[in-house]
N, C-alpha and C. Protein backbone atom coordinates (compact mmCIF):
# COMPACT_ATOMS: atom_id res chain seq x y z
N MET A 1 -15.22 11.51 11.63
CA MET A 1 -14.36 10.66 10.81
C MET A 1 -15.16 10.12 9.63
N THR A 2 -14.66 10.28 8.45
CA THR A 2 -15.33 9.79 7.26
C THR A 2 -14.41 8.87 6.49
N ARG A 3 -14.99 8.00 5.69
CA ARG A 3 -14.20 7.07 4.90
C ARG A 3 -14.75 7.02 3.48
N ALA A 4 -13.86 6.76 2.54
CA ALA A 4 -14.24 6.55 1.16
C ALA A 4 -13.66 5.22 0.74
N ALA A 5 -14.42 4.41 0.00
CA ALA A 5 -13.94 3.09 -0.38
C ALA A 5 -14.29 2.80 -1.81
N THR A 6 -13.64 1.79 -2.36
CA THR A 6 -13.91 1.38 -3.73
C THR A 6 -14.25 -0.10 -3.76
N ARG A 7 -14.97 -0.53 -4.75
CA ARG A 7 -15.31 -1.93 -4.89
C ARG A 7 -14.17 -2.65 -5.59
N PRO A 8 -13.96 -3.92 -5.28
CA PRO A 8 -12.84 -4.65 -5.87
C PRO A 8 -13.07 -4.97 -7.33
N GLY A 9 -11.97 -5.08 -8.08
CA GLY A 9 -12.04 -5.53 -9.46
C GLY A 9 -11.95 -7.05 -9.48
N VAL A 10 -12.26 -7.67 -10.59
CA VAL A 10 -12.22 -9.12 -10.72
C VAL A 10 -10.91 -9.48 -11.41
N MET A 11 -10.09 -10.30 -10.75
CA MET A 11 -8.80 -10.68 -11.31
C MET A 11 -8.61 -12.18 -11.09
N ALA A 12 -7.68 -12.74 -11.86
CA ALA A 12 -7.44 -14.17 -11.80
C ALA A 12 -6.73 -14.55 -10.52
N SER A 13 -6.88 -15.80 -10.11
CA SER A 13 -6.20 -16.29 -8.92
C SER A 13 -5.63 -17.67 -9.20
N VAL A 14 -4.77 -18.14 -8.28
CA VAL A 14 -4.21 -19.47 -8.41
C VAL A 14 -4.64 -20.26 -7.19
N SER A 15 -4.16 -21.54 -7.12
CA SER A 15 -4.70 -22.45 -6.12
C SER A 15 -4.32 -22.09 -4.69
N ALA A 16 -3.16 -21.47 -4.48
CA ALA A 16 -2.74 -21.16 -3.12
C ALA A 16 -3.68 -20.16 -2.47
N ARG A 17 -3.89 -20.33 -1.14
CA ARG A 17 -4.74 -19.37 -0.44
C ARG A 17 -4.02 -18.03 -0.37
N PRO A 18 -4.67 -16.97 -0.84
CA PRO A 18 -4.00 -15.67 -0.89
C PRO A 18 -3.69 -15.13 0.50
N SER A 19 -2.67 -14.29 0.56
CA SER A 19 -2.37 -13.54 1.76
C SER A 19 -3.01 -12.17 1.65
N LEU A 20 -3.53 -11.67 2.75
CA LEU A 20 -4.14 -10.34 2.78
C LEU A 20 -3.14 -9.35 3.37
N VAL A 21 -2.91 -8.28 2.64
CA VAL A 21 -1.97 -7.25 3.07
C VAL A 21 -2.72 -5.93 3.23
N LEU A 22 -2.57 -5.31 4.38
CA LEU A 22 -3.13 -3.99 4.63
C LEU A 22 -2.01 -2.98 4.50
N GLY A 23 -2.15 -2.03 3.58
CA GLY A 23 -1.18 -0.96 3.42
C GLY A 23 -1.72 0.32 4.03
N ILE A 24 -0.85 1.07 4.70
CA ILE A 24 -1.28 2.29 5.39
C ILE A 24 -0.32 3.43 5.08
N ASP A 25 -0.89 4.58 4.74
CA ASP A 25 -0.13 5.81 4.55
C ASP A 25 -0.54 6.75 5.68
N PRO A 26 0.26 6.84 6.75
CA PRO A 26 -0.14 7.61 7.93
C PRO A 26 -0.27 9.10 7.65
N GLY A 27 -1.22 9.72 8.32
CA GLY A 27 -1.40 11.16 8.26
C GLY A 27 -2.36 11.60 9.34
N THR A 28 -2.15 12.79 9.87
CA THR A 28 -3.04 13.28 10.92
C THR A 28 -4.37 13.74 10.35
N ALA A 29 -4.34 14.46 9.24
CA ALA A 29 -5.57 14.92 8.60
C ALA A 29 -6.21 13.82 7.77
N VAL A 30 -5.38 13.11 6.98
CA VAL A 30 -5.87 12.05 6.10
C VAL A 30 -4.93 10.85 6.18
N THR A 31 -5.45 9.72 6.57
CA THR A 31 -4.70 8.47 6.57
C THR A 31 -5.24 7.58 5.46
N GLY A 32 -4.39 7.24 4.52
CA GLY A 32 -4.82 6.36 3.44
C GLY A 32 -4.67 4.90 3.82
N TYR A 33 -5.56 4.06 3.29
CA TYR A 33 -5.45 2.62 3.53
C TYR A 33 -5.83 1.86 2.27
N GLY A 34 -5.28 0.67 2.15
CA GLY A 34 -5.61 -0.20 1.03
C GLY A 34 -5.41 -1.64 1.42
N VAL A 35 -6.34 -2.49 1.06
CA VAL A 35 -6.26 -3.92 1.36
C VAL A 35 -6.20 -4.69 0.05
N VAL A 36 -5.16 -5.50 -0.10
CA VAL A 36 -5.02 -6.31 -1.31
C VAL A 36 -4.85 -7.77 -0.93
N SER A 37 -5.32 -8.61 -1.81
CA SER A 37 -5.14 -10.05 -1.68
C SER A 37 -4.08 -10.48 -2.69
N TYR A 38 -3.08 -11.23 -2.24
CA TYR A 38 -1.98 -11.61 -3.12
C TYR A 38 -1.85 -13.12 -3.17
N ASP A 39 -1.91 -13.70 -4.40
CA ASP A 39 -1.89 -15.15 -4.56
C ASP A 39 -0.56 -15.67 -5.11
N GLY A 40 0.45 -14.85 -5.13
CA GLY A 40 1.74 -15.26 -5.67
C GLY A 40 1.98 -14.77 -7.08
N ARG A 41 0.92 -14.35 -7.76
CA ARG A 41 1.05 -13.81 -9.11
C ARG A 41 0.34 -12.47 -9.25
N THR A 42 -0.80 -12.35 -8.60
CA THR A 42 -1.64 -11.18 -8.82
C THR A 42 -2.06 -10.55 -7.50
N ALA A 43 -1.98 -9.23 -7.46
CA ALA A 43 -2.52 -8.47 -6.33
C ALA A 43 -3.93 -8.01 -6.70
N THR A 44 -4.89 -8.38 -5.89
CA THR A 44 -6.29 -8.07 -6.15
C THR A 44 -6.80 -7.06 -5.12
N LEU A 45 -7.38 -5.99 -5.58
CA LEU A 45 -7.90 -4.97 -4.69
C LEU A 45 -9.15 -5.44 -3.97
N LEU A 46 -9.15 -5.31 -2.65
CA LEU A 46 -10.34 -5.63 -1.85
C LEU A 46 -11.04 -4.37 -1.38
N GLU A 47 -10.26 -3.41 -0.91
CA GLU A 47 -10.84 -2.15 -0.44
C GLU A 47 -9.74 -1.10 -0.33
N CYS A 48 -10.09 0.13 -0.60
CA CYS A 48 -9.16 1.21 -0.34
C CYS A 48 -9.96 2.47 -0.02
N GLY A 49 -9.33 3.41 0.65
CA GLY A 49 -10.03 4.62 1.02
C GLY A 49 -9.18 5.47 1.94
N VAL A 50 -9.81 6.36 2.64
CA VAL A 50 -9.09 7.26 3.55
C VAL A 50 -9.86 7.43 4.84
N ILE A 51 -9.13 7.70 5.91
CA ILE A 51 -9.71 8.05 7.20
C ILE A 51 -9.41 9.53 7.42
N ARG A 52 -10.44 10.35 7.48
CA ARG A 52 -10.26 11.79 7.64
C ARG A 52 -10.60 12.20 9.07
N THR A 53 -9.87 13.17 9.57
CA THR A 53 -10.16 13.71 10.90
C THR A 53 -10.36 15.22 10.78
N PRO A 54 -11.35 15.77 11.44
CA PRO A 54 -11.62 17.21 11.35
C PRO A 54 -10.46 18.05 11.87
N ALA A 55 -10.09 19.06 11.10
CA ALA A 55 -8.97 19.92 11.48
C ALA A 55 -9.25 20.67 12.78
N ALA A 56 -10.53 20.92 13.08
CA ALA A 56 -10.87 21.69 14.28
C ALA A 56 -10.76 20.85 15.55
N ASP A 57 -10.69 19.53 15.43
CA ASP A 57 -10.61 18.68 16.62
C ASP A 57 -9.22 18.76 17.25
N PRO A 58 -9.14 18.61 18.57
CA PRO A 58 -7.82 18.57 19.21
C PRO A 58 -7.06 17.32 18.79
N LEU A 59 -5.74 17.39 18.86
CA LEU A 59 -4.90 16.28 18.40
C LEU A 59 -5.25 14.95 19.06
N PRO A 60 -5.48 14.88 20.38
CA PRO A 60 -5.83 13.59 20.98
C PRO A 60 -7.08 12.96 20.36
N SER A 61 -8.08 13.78 20.03
CA SER A 61 -9.30 13.25 19.42
C SER A 61 -9.02 12.73 18.01
N ARG A 62 -8.19 13.43 17.28
CA ARG A 62 -7.86 13.00 15.92
C ARG A 62 -7.09 11.67 15.95
N LEU A 63 -6.17 11.56 16.89
CA LEU A 63 -5.41 10.31 17.02
C LEU A 63 -6.31 9.16 17.42
N HIS A 64 -7.29 9.44 18.28
CA HIS A 64 -8.25 8.41 18.69
C HIS A 64 -9.06 7.93 17.49
N ASN A 65 -9.48 8.85 16.64
CA ASN A 65 -10.25 8.49 15.46
C ASN A 65 -9.43 7.64 14.49
N ILE A 66 -8.16 7.98 14.35
CA ILE A 66 -7.29 7.19 13.47
C ILE A 66 -7.14 5.77 14.02
N HIS A 67 -6.91 5.67 15.33
CA HIS A 67 -6.79 4.36 15.97
C HIS A 67 -8.06 3.54 15.78
N ALA A 68 -9.21 4.16 15.98
CA ALA A 68 -10.49 3.45 15.84
C ALA A 68 -10.71 3.01 14.40
N GLY A 69 -10.34 3.86 13.43
CA GLY A 69 -10.52 3.50 12.04
C GLY A 69 -9.66 2.33 11.62
N ILE A 70 -8.40 2.31 12.06
CA ILE A 70 -7.51 1.20 11.73
C ILE A 70 -7.99 -0.08 12.40
N ALA A 71 -8.42 0.02 13.65
CA ALA A 71 -8.93 -1.16 14.36
C ALA A 71 -10.15 -1.74 13.64
N GLU A 72 -11.01 -0.88 13.13
CA GLU A 72 -12.18 -1.36 12.40
C GLU A 72 -11.78 -2.09 11.13
N LEU A 73 -10.77 -1.57 10.42
CA LEU A 73 -10.29 -2.23 9.20
C LEU A 73 -9.73 -3.62 9.52
N ILE A 74 -8.99 -3.71 10.61
CA ILE A 74 -8.40 -4.99 10.99
C ILE A 74 -9.50 -6.00 11.31
N GLU A 75 -10.50 -5.57 12.04
CA GLU A 75 -11.60 -6.48 12.39
C GLU A 75 -12.38 -6.92 11.15
N ARG A 76 -12.50 -6.04 10.19
CA ARG A 76 -13.29 -6.35 8.99
C ARG A 76 -12.56 -7.27 8.02
N HIS A 77 -11.25 -7.07 7.86
CA HIS A 77 -10.52 -7.82 6.84
C HIS A 77 -9.60 -8.91 7.39
N ARG A 78 -9.21 -8.83 8.65
CA ARG A 78 -8.31 -9.80 9.25
C ARG A 78 -7.06 -10.00 8.39
N PRO A 79 -6.27 -8.95 8.16
CA PRO A 79 -5.09 -9.09 7.30
C PRO A 79 -4.03 -9.99 7.93
N ASP A 80 -3.21 -10.60 7.06
CA ASP A 80 -2.12 -11.44 7.54
C ASP A 80 -0.91 -10.61 7.93
N THR A 81 -0.74 -9.49 7.27
CA THR A 81 0.40 -8.63 7.55
C THR A 81 0.07 -7.19 7.15
N VAL A 82 0.85 -6.26 7.63
CA VAL A 82 0.59 -4.84 7.38
C VAL A 82 1.88 -4.16 6.91
N ALA A 83 1.76 -3.30 5.91
CA ALA A 83 2.88 -2.51 5.43
C ALA A 83 2.56 -1.04 5.65
N VAL A 84 3.47 -0.32 6.29
CA VAL A 84 3.24 1.08 6.64
C VAL A 84 4.32 1.94 6.00
N GLU A 85 3.90 3.03 5.37
CA GLU A 85 4.90 3.94 4.81
C GLU A 85 5.63 4.66 5.93
N ASP A 86 6.94 4.77 5.78
CA ASP A 86 7.75 5.41 6.81
C ASP A 86 7.54 6.92 6.81
N VAL A 87 7.93 7.55 7.89
CA VAL A 87 7.77 9.01 8.01
C VAL A 87 8.76 9.71 7.09
N PHE A 88 8.26 10.68 6.33
CA PHE A 88 9.17 11.52 5.57
C PHE A 88 9.50 12.74 6.43
N TYR A 89 10.68 13.26 6.26
CA TYR A 89 11.12 14.37 7.09
C TYR A 89 10.87 15.69 6.37
N ALA A 90 9.80 16.35 6.77
CA ALA A 90 9.41 17.61 6.15
C ALA A 90 10.30 18.74 6.64
N ARG A 91 10.32 19.83 5.88
CA ARG A 91 11.10 21.00 6.30
C ARG A 91 10.51 21.60 7.57
N ASN A 92 9.20 21.50 7.71
CA ASN A 92 8.54 21.99 8.93
C ASN A 92 8.65 20.90 10.00
N VAL A 93 9.42 21.19 11.04
CA VAL A 93 9.66 20.19 12.08
C VAL A 93 8.36 19.77 12.76
N ARG A 94 7.46 20.72 12.98
CA ARG A 94 6.20 20.40 13.65
C ARG A 94 5.39 19.40 12.82
N THR A 95 5.41 19.57 11.49
CA THR A 95 4.69 18.63 10.63
C THR A 95 5.22 17.22 10.80
N THR A 96 6.53 17.09 10.84
CA THR A 96 7.14 15.78 11.02
C THR A 96 6.76 15.17 12.37
N ILE A 97 6.76 15.99 13.42
CA ILE A 97 6.42 15.49 14.76
C ILE A 97 4.97 15.02 14.83
N VAL A 98 4.06 15.83 14.29
CA VAL A 98 2.63 15.46 14.31
C VAL A 98 2.39 14.20 13.50
N LEU A 99 3.06 14.09 12.35
CA LEU A 99 2.93 12.88 11.53
C LEU A 99 3.45 11.67 12.30
N GLY A 100 4.52 11.88 13.07
CA GLY A 100 5.05 10.80 13.89
C GLY A 100 4.05 10.34 14.95
N HIS A 101 3.27 11.28 15.48
CA HIS A 101 2.21 10.91 16.44
C HIS A 101 1.21 9.96 15.78
N ALA A 102 0.76 10.30 14.58
CA ALA A 102 -0.22 9.48 13.87
C ALA A 102 0.34 8.10 13.57
N ARG A 103 1.58 8.06 13.12
CA ARG A 103 2.20 6.77 12.80
C ARG A 103 2.38 5.93 14.05
N GLY A 104 2.73 6.58 15.17
CA GLY A 104 2.89 5.85 16.42
C GLY A 104 1.60 5.22 16.90
N VAL A 105 0.50 5.96 16.78
CA VAL A 105 -0.81 5.43 17.18
C VAL A 105 -1.18 4.23 16.30
N ILE A 106 -0.88 4.33 15.00
CA ILE A 106 -1.18 3.22 14.08
C ILE A 106 -0.36 1.99 14.43
N LEU A 107 0.93 2.17 14.70
CA LEU A 107 1.79 1.05 15.05
C LEU A 107 1.34 0.40 16.36
N LEU A 108 0.89 1.22 17.30
CA LEU A 108 0.38 0.69 18.56
C LEU A 108 -0.85 -0.18 18.32
N CYS A 109 -1.75 0.29 17.47
CA CYS A 109 -2.95 -0.47 17.15
C CYS A 109 -2.60 -1.81 16.50
N LEU A 110 -1.65 -1.79 15.59
CA LEU A 110 -1.24 -3.02 14.90
C LEU A 110 -0.60 -4.00 15.89
N ARG A 111 0.20 -3.46 16.80
CA ARG A 111 0.86 -4.32 17.79
C ARG A 111 -0.17 -4.94 18.73
N ARG A 112 -1.17 -4.19 19.12
CA ARG A 112 -2.19 -4.71 20.03
C ARG A 112 -2.99 -5.83 19.37
N HIS A 113 -3.05 -5.81 18.03
CA HIS A 113 -3.75 -6.88 17.31
C HIS A 113 -2.80 -8.01 16.91
N GLY A 114 -1.54 -7.91 17.31
CA GLY A 114 -0.59 -8.99 17.06
C GLY A 114 -0.20 -9.17 15.61
N LEU A 115 -0.24 -8.09 14.83
CA LEU A 115 0.05 -8.21 13.40
C LEU A 115 1.52 -7.90 13.09
N PRO A 116 2.12 -8.68 12.19
CA PRO A 116 3.49 -8.35 11.75
C PRO A 116 3.45 -7.09 10.88
N VAL A 117 4.44 -6.22 11.06
CA VAL A 117 4.45 -4.93 10.38
C VAL A 117 5.77 -4.74 9.64
N ALA A 118 5.69 -4.28 8.40
CA ALA A 118 6.86 -3.91 7.62
C ALA A 118 6.79 -2.42 7.32
N SER A 119 7.95 -1.78 7.31
CA SER A 119 8.00 -0.34 7.06
C SER A 119 8.81 -0.08 5.79
N TYR A 120 8.32 0.85 4.97
CA TYR A 120 8.97 1.16 3.70
C TYR A 120 9.14 2.67 3.53
N GLN A 121 10.30 3.06 3.04
CA GLN A 121 10.51 4.44 2.66
C GLN A 121 9.76 4.72 1.35
N PRO A 122 9.25 5.94 1.15
CA PRO A 122 8.55 6.26 -0.10
C PRO A 122 9.37 5.97 -1.35
N THR A 123 10.68 6.26 -1.30
CA THR A 123 11.52 6.00 -2.47
C THR A 123 11.65 4.51 -2.75
N GLU A 124 11.64 3.70 -1.70
CA GLU A 124 11.70 2.25 -1.86
C GLU A 124 10.45 1.72 -2.56
N VAL A 125 9.30 2.27 -2.18
CA VAL A 125 8.03 1.86 -2.80
C VAL A 125 8.01 2.25 -4.27
N LYS A 126 8.40 3.48 -4.57
CA LYS A 126 8.42 3.94 -5.96
C LYS A 126 9.37 3.11 -6.81
N ARG A 127 10.52 2.77 -6.26
CA ARG A 127 11.50 1.99 -7.01
C ARG A 127 10.96 0.59 -7.31
N ALA A 128 10.21 0.02 -6.36
CA ALA A 128 9.66 -1.31 -6.57
C ALA A 128 8.57 -1.33 -7.63
N LEU A 129 7.77 -0.27 -7.70
CA LEU A 129 6.64 -0.24 -8.63
C LEU A 129 7.00 0.31 -10.00
N ILE A 130 7.84 1.33 -10.01
CA ILE A 130 8.13 2.03 -11.26
C ILE A 130 9.56 1.81 -11.73
N GLY A 131 10.46 1.52 -10.81
CA GLY A 131 11.86 1.38 -11.16
C GLY A 131 12.65 2.64 -10.95
N ALA A 132 11.99 3.68 -10.42
CA ALA A 132 12.66 4.96 -10.17
C ALA A 132 12.19 5.52 -8.83
N GLY A 133 13.14 5.80 -7.93
CA GLY A 133 12.79 6.27 -6.60
C GLY A 133 12.23 7.68 -6.58
N ARG A 134 12.39 8.42 -7.68
CA ARG A 134 11.88 9.79 -7.73
C ARG A 134 10.68 9.92 -8.67
N ALA A 135 9.99 8.82 -8.89
CA ALA A 135 8.80 8.86 -9.74
C ALA A 135 7.75 9.79 -9.15
N GLU A 136 6.98 10.42 -10.02
CA GLU A 136 5.94 11.33 -9.56
C GLU A 136 4.75 10.55 -9.03
N LYS A 137 4.01 11.19 -8.13
CA LYS A 137 2.83 10.53 -7.55
C LYS A 137 1.82 10.14 -8.61
N GLY A 138 1.67 10.98 -9.63
CA GLY A 138 0.71 10.68 -10.69
C GLY A 138 1.03 9.39 -11.40
N GLN A 139 2.32 9.09 -11.58
CA GLN A 139 2.71 7.84 -12.23
C GLN A 139 2.30 6.65 -11.38
N ILE A 140 2.56 6.75 -10.08
CA ILE A 140 2.18 5.67 -9.17
C ILE A 140 0.67 5.43 -9.22
N GLN A 141 -0.10 6.51 -9.19
CA GLN A 141 -1.55 6.39 -9.22
C GLN A 141 -2.03 5.72 -10.49
N ARG A 142 -1.49 6.11 -11.63
CA ARG A 142 -1.92 5.51 -12.90
C ARG A 142 -1.58 4.04 -12.97
N VAL A 143 -0.39 3.67 -12.50
CA VAL A 143 0.00 2.26 -12.50
C VAL A 143 -0.94 1.43 -11.65
N LEU A 144 -1.24 1.92 -10.45
CA LEU A 144 -2.13 1.18 -9.55
C LEU A 144 -3.54 1.08 -10.11
N GLU A 145 -4.02 2.13 -10.74
CA GLU A 145 -5.35 2.11 -11.32
C GLU A 145 -5.45 1.05 -12.42
N ILE A 146 -4.33 0.81 -13.11
CA ILE A 146 -4.31 -0.19 -14.18
C ILE A 146 -4.20 -1.60 -13.61
N ILE A 147 -3.19 -1.84 -12.78
CA ILE A 147 -2.94 -3.21 -12.34
C ILE A 147 -3.97 -3.71 -11.33
N LEU A 148 -4.60 -2.78 -10.59
CA LEU A 148 -5.61 -3.18 -9.63
C LEU A 148 -7.04 -3.00 -10.15
N LYS A 149 -7.16 -2.45 -11.35
CA LYS A 149 -8.48 -2.27 -11.98
C LYS A 149 -9.44 -1.56 -11.03
N THR A 150 -9.04 -0.39 -10.57
CA THR A 150 -9.83 0.32 -9.57
C THR A 150 -11.16 0.82 -10.12
N GLY A 151 -11.22 1.13 -11.40
CA GLY A 151 -12.46 1.63 -11.99
C GLY A 151 -12.71 3.10 -11.72
N ARG A 152 -11.78 3.75 -11.06
CA ARG A 152 -11.91 5.18 -10.76
C ARG A 152 -10.54 5.74 -10.44
N ALA A 153 -10.43 7.05 -10.45
CA ALA A 153 -9.17 7.69 -10.08
C ALA A 153 -8.95 7.56 -8.58
N LEU A 154 -7.73 7.28 -8.19
CA LEU A 154 -7.39 7.13 -6.78
C LEU A 154 -6.99 8.46 -6.17
N GLU A 155 -7.38 8.66 -4.92
CA GLU A 155 -6.87 9.80 -4.17
C GLU A 155 -5.39 9.55 -3.87
N ALA A 156 -4.64 10.61 -3.68
CA ALA A 156 -3.20 10.48 -3.46
C ALA A 156 -2.89 9.61 -2.25
N ASP A 157 -3.62 9.80 -1.15
CA ASP A 157 -3.32 9.08 0.08
C ASP A 157 -3.67 7.59 -0.01
N GLU A 158 -4.78 7.26 -0.66
CA GLU A 158 -5.12 5.85 -0.79
C GLU A 158 -4.20 5.19 -1.81
N ALA A 159 -3.74 5.92 -2.82
CA ALA A 159 -2.78 5.38 -3.77
C ALA A 159 -1.46 5.05 -3.07
N ASP A 160 -1.02 5.93 -2.17
CA ASP A 160 0.21 5.68 -1.43
C ASP A 160 0.07 4.43 -0.57
N ALA A 161 -1.09 4.25 0.04
CA ALA A 161 -1.32 3.08 0.88
C ALA A 161 -1.33 1.79 0.04
N LEU A 162 -1.99 1.83 -1.11
CA LEU A 162 -2.02 0.67 -1.98
C LEU A 162 -0.63 0.35 -2.52
N ALA A 163 0.13 1.41 -2.81
CA ALA A 163 1.48 1.21 -3.33
C ALA A 163 2.35 0.45 -2.34
N VAL A 164 2.27 0.83 -1.07
CA VAL A 164 3.10 0.16 -0.07
C VAL A 164 2.62 -1.27 0.16
N ALA A 165 1.32 -1.51 0.03
CA ALA A 165 0.79 -2.87 0.17
C ALA A 165 1.26 -3.76 -0.98
N VAL A 166 1.18 -3.26 -2.21
CA VAL A 166 1.62 -4.03 -3.38
C VAL A 166 3.12 -4.25 -3.33
N CYS A 167 3.86 -3.22 -2.95
CA CYS A 167 5.31 -3.34 -2.81
C CYS A 167 5.66 -4.45 -1.83
N HIS A 168 4.97 -4.48 -0.71
CA HIS A 168 5.24 -5.49 0.32
C HIS A 168 4.91 -6.89 -0.18
N ALA A 169 3.76 -7.03 -0.82
CA ALA A 169 3.35 -8.35 -1.32
C ALA A 169 4.32 -8.86 -2.37
N ASN A 170 4.69 -8.01 -3.31
CA ASN A 170 5.58 -8.43 -4.39
C ASN A 170 7.02 -8.60 -3.94
N GLY A 171 7.38 -7.95 -2.83
CA GLY A 171 8.75 -8.03 -2.37
C GLY A 171 9.10 -9.31 -1.63
N ALA A 172 8.11 -10.18 -1.45
CA ALA A 172 8.32 -11.50 -0.84
C ALA A 172 8.85 -11.41 0.60
N ARG A 173 8.44 -10.36 1.33
CA ARG A 173 8.81 -10.32 2.75
C ARG A 173 7.84 -11.17 3.57
N ILE A 174 6.79 -11.64 2.94
CA ILE A 174 5.85 -12.52 3.62
C ILE A 174 5.70 -13.80 2.82
N PRO A 175 5.52 -14.95 3.46
CA PRO A 175 5.27 -16.18 2.73
C PRO A 175 3.79 -16.30 2.39
N LEU A 176 3.51 -16.92 1.27
CA LEU A 176 2.12 -17.23 0.94
C LEU A 176 1.69 -18.46 1.73
N HIS A 177 0.39 -18.62 1.86
CA HIS A 177 -0.14 -19.78 2.57
C HIS A 177 -0.19 -20.95 1.60
N GLY A 178 0.92 -21.64 1.45
CA GLY A 178 0.97 -22.79 0.57
C GLY A 178 1.32 -22.45 -0.86
N GLY A 179 1.64 -21.20 -1.16
CA GLY A 179 1.96 -20.82 -2.54
C GLY A 179 3.35 -20.24 -2.65
N PRO A 180 3.85 -20.03 -3.86
CA PRO A 180 5.19 -19.51 -4.06
C PRO A 180 5.25 -18.02 -3.77
N ALA A 181 6.42 -17.53 -3.45
CA ALA A 181 6.63 -16.11 -3.26
C ALA A 181 7.36 -15.54 -4.46
N SER A 182 7.11 -14.29 -4.75
CA SER A 182 7.83 -13.65 -5.84
C SER A 182 9.05 -12.93 -5.28
N ARG A 183 9.92 -12.48 -6.14
CA ARG A 183 11.09 -11.76 -5.71
C ARG A 183 11.37 -10.65 -6.71
N LEU A 184 12.14 -9.68 -6.29
CA LEU A 184 12.50 -8.59 -7.18
C LEU A 184 13.65 -9.03 -8.05
N VAL A 185 13.48 -8.93 -9.35
CA VAL A 185 14.52 -9.32 -10.31
C VAL A 185 14.68 -8.20 -11.33
N ARG A 186 15.78 -8.25 -12.07
CA ARG A 186 15.98 -7.28 -13.12
C ARG A 186 15.68 -7.97 -14.44
N GLY A 187 14.80 -7.39 -15.22
CA GLY A 187 14.39 -7.99 -16.48
C GLY A 187 14.05 -6.95 -17.51
N ARG A 188 13.60 -7.43 -18.68
CA ARG A 188 13.29 -6.56 -19.80
C ARG A 188 11.80 -6.60 -20.09
N CYS A 189 11.19 -5.43 -20.24
CA CYS A 189 9.77 -5.36 -20.55
C CYS A 189 9.50 -5.91 -21.94
N ARG A 190 8.50 -6.77 -22.05
CA ARG A 190 8.16 -7.35 -23.34
C ARG A 190 7.63 -6.33 -24.33
N ARG A 191 7.13 -5.21 -23.80
CA ARG A 191 6.47 -4.25 -24.67
C ARG A 191 7.39 -3.14 -25.17
N CYS A 192 8.22 -2.61 -24.27
CA CYS A 192 9.05 -1.48 -24.68
C CYS A 192 10.53 -1.80 -24.75
N GLY A 193 10.94 -2.94 -24.20
CA GLY A 193 12.32 -3.35 -24.27
C GLY A 193 13.22 -2.76 -23.21
N LYS A 194 12.69 -1.87 -22.34
CA LYS A 194 13.50 -1.27 -21.29
C LYS A 194 13.69 -2.28 -20.15
N THR A 195 14.75 -2.07 -19.38
CA THR A 195 15.03 -2.95 -18.25
C THR A 195 14.88 -2.20 -16.95
N ALA A 196 14.46 -2.93 -15.92
CA ALA A 196 14.31 -2.36 -14.58
C ALA A 196 14.04 -3.50 -13.61
N SER A 197 14.11 -3.20 -12.32
CA SER A 197 13.81 -4.21 -11.31
C SER A 197 12.30 -4.30 -11.13
N ARG A 198 11.77 -5.49 -11.21
CA ARG A 198 10.34 -5.74 -11.06
C ARG A 198 10.13 -7.05 -10.30
N PRO A 199 8.98 -7.23 -9.68
CA PRO A 199 8.68 -8.53 -9.08
C PRO A 199 8.72 -9.61 -10.15
N SER A 200 9.20 -10.79 -9.82
CA SER A 200 9.29 -11.86 -10.79
C SER A 200 7.94 -12.21 -11.39
N CYS A 201 6.86 -12.09 -10.59
CA CYS A 201 5.53 -12.41 -11.10
C CYS A 201 5.11 -11.42 -12.17
N TRP A 202 5.57 -10.15 -12.08
CA TRP A 202 5.18 -9.15 -13.07
C TRP A 202 5.84 -9.45 -14.40
N TRP A 203 7.11 -9.84 -14.38
CA TRP A 203 7.79 -10.14 -15.63
C TRP A 203 7.14 -11.33 -16.32
N ALA A 204 6.58 -12.23 -15.54
CA ALA A 204 5.96 -13.42 -16.13
C ALA A 204 4.72 -13.06 -16.94
N ALA A 205 3.99 -12.07 -16.51
CA ALA A 205 2.75 -11.70 -17.21
C ALA A 205 2.47 -10.22 -17.07
N PRO A 206 3.29 -9.35 -17.70
CA PRO A 206 3.06 -7.91 -17.56
C PRO A 206 1.76 -7.50 -18.23
N THR A 207 1.03 -6.61 -17.58
CA THR A 207 -0.23 -6.13 -18.15
C THR A 207 -0.04 -4.84 -18.92
N THR A 208 0.96 -4.07 -18.52
CA THR A 208 1.25 -2.81 -19.22
C THR A 208 2.65 -2.38 -18.86
N CYS A 209 3.24 -1.56 -19.68
CA CYS A 209 4.57 -1.09 -19.38
C CYS A 209 4.53 -0.12 -18.22
N MET A 210 5.28 -0.41 -17.14
CA MET A 210 5.31 0.46 -15.99
C MET A 210 6.62 1.23 -15.90
N ILE A 211 7.43 1.13 -16.92
CA ILE A 211 8.74 1.75 -16.88
C ILE A 211 8.66 3.11 -17.55
N ARG A 212 9.23 4.10 -16.93
CA ARG A 212 9.26 5.44 -17.51
C ARG A 212 10.71 5.85 -17.70
N ALA A 213 10.99 6.55 -18.76
CA ALA A 213 12.35 6.99 -19.03
C ALA A 213 12.80 7.97 -17.96
């Protein structure tokens, strides 16, 4: 099992104690993860990366490695809540079943640690970040690289994990520890004039246009 991680960027914060959100993109070969701190206005990257399992290993061993990797992340960051991307239904039934095994092991690990879990469909995450449920993965990656100041290109799996974490934080499904929560509203971008649904905190201080025609 190998992991890749990135160093956090420096971003502004407010007085409320931030909530820590762990985002997970389940996969048998590659499980993406991302940890963000959310203060009611800004999502700050703490760590992101992937958990890889060798293709030659039997499925039980790969699932054990995924469980161990997630447990290690929980012990290291002590997140307040976890957001997990839901299973997509592939044309290959076996692929869907194996992916379901990985997601089940992850959910079991989260439950054993007593963490609240939210589940999001990929289209729901894309709609929250970009305003379009059919946005391309590259768009999501570029947006996250900008707003989280990653300092490097994100792998697809870690970008998916960060996307679900940011979506969860901005969607106000969790309360802040003494701070305000944001909500999804429809507004107009100050830069391009287009309208779309965005977290209320983003409309207050947009860093770049995230809307695509």
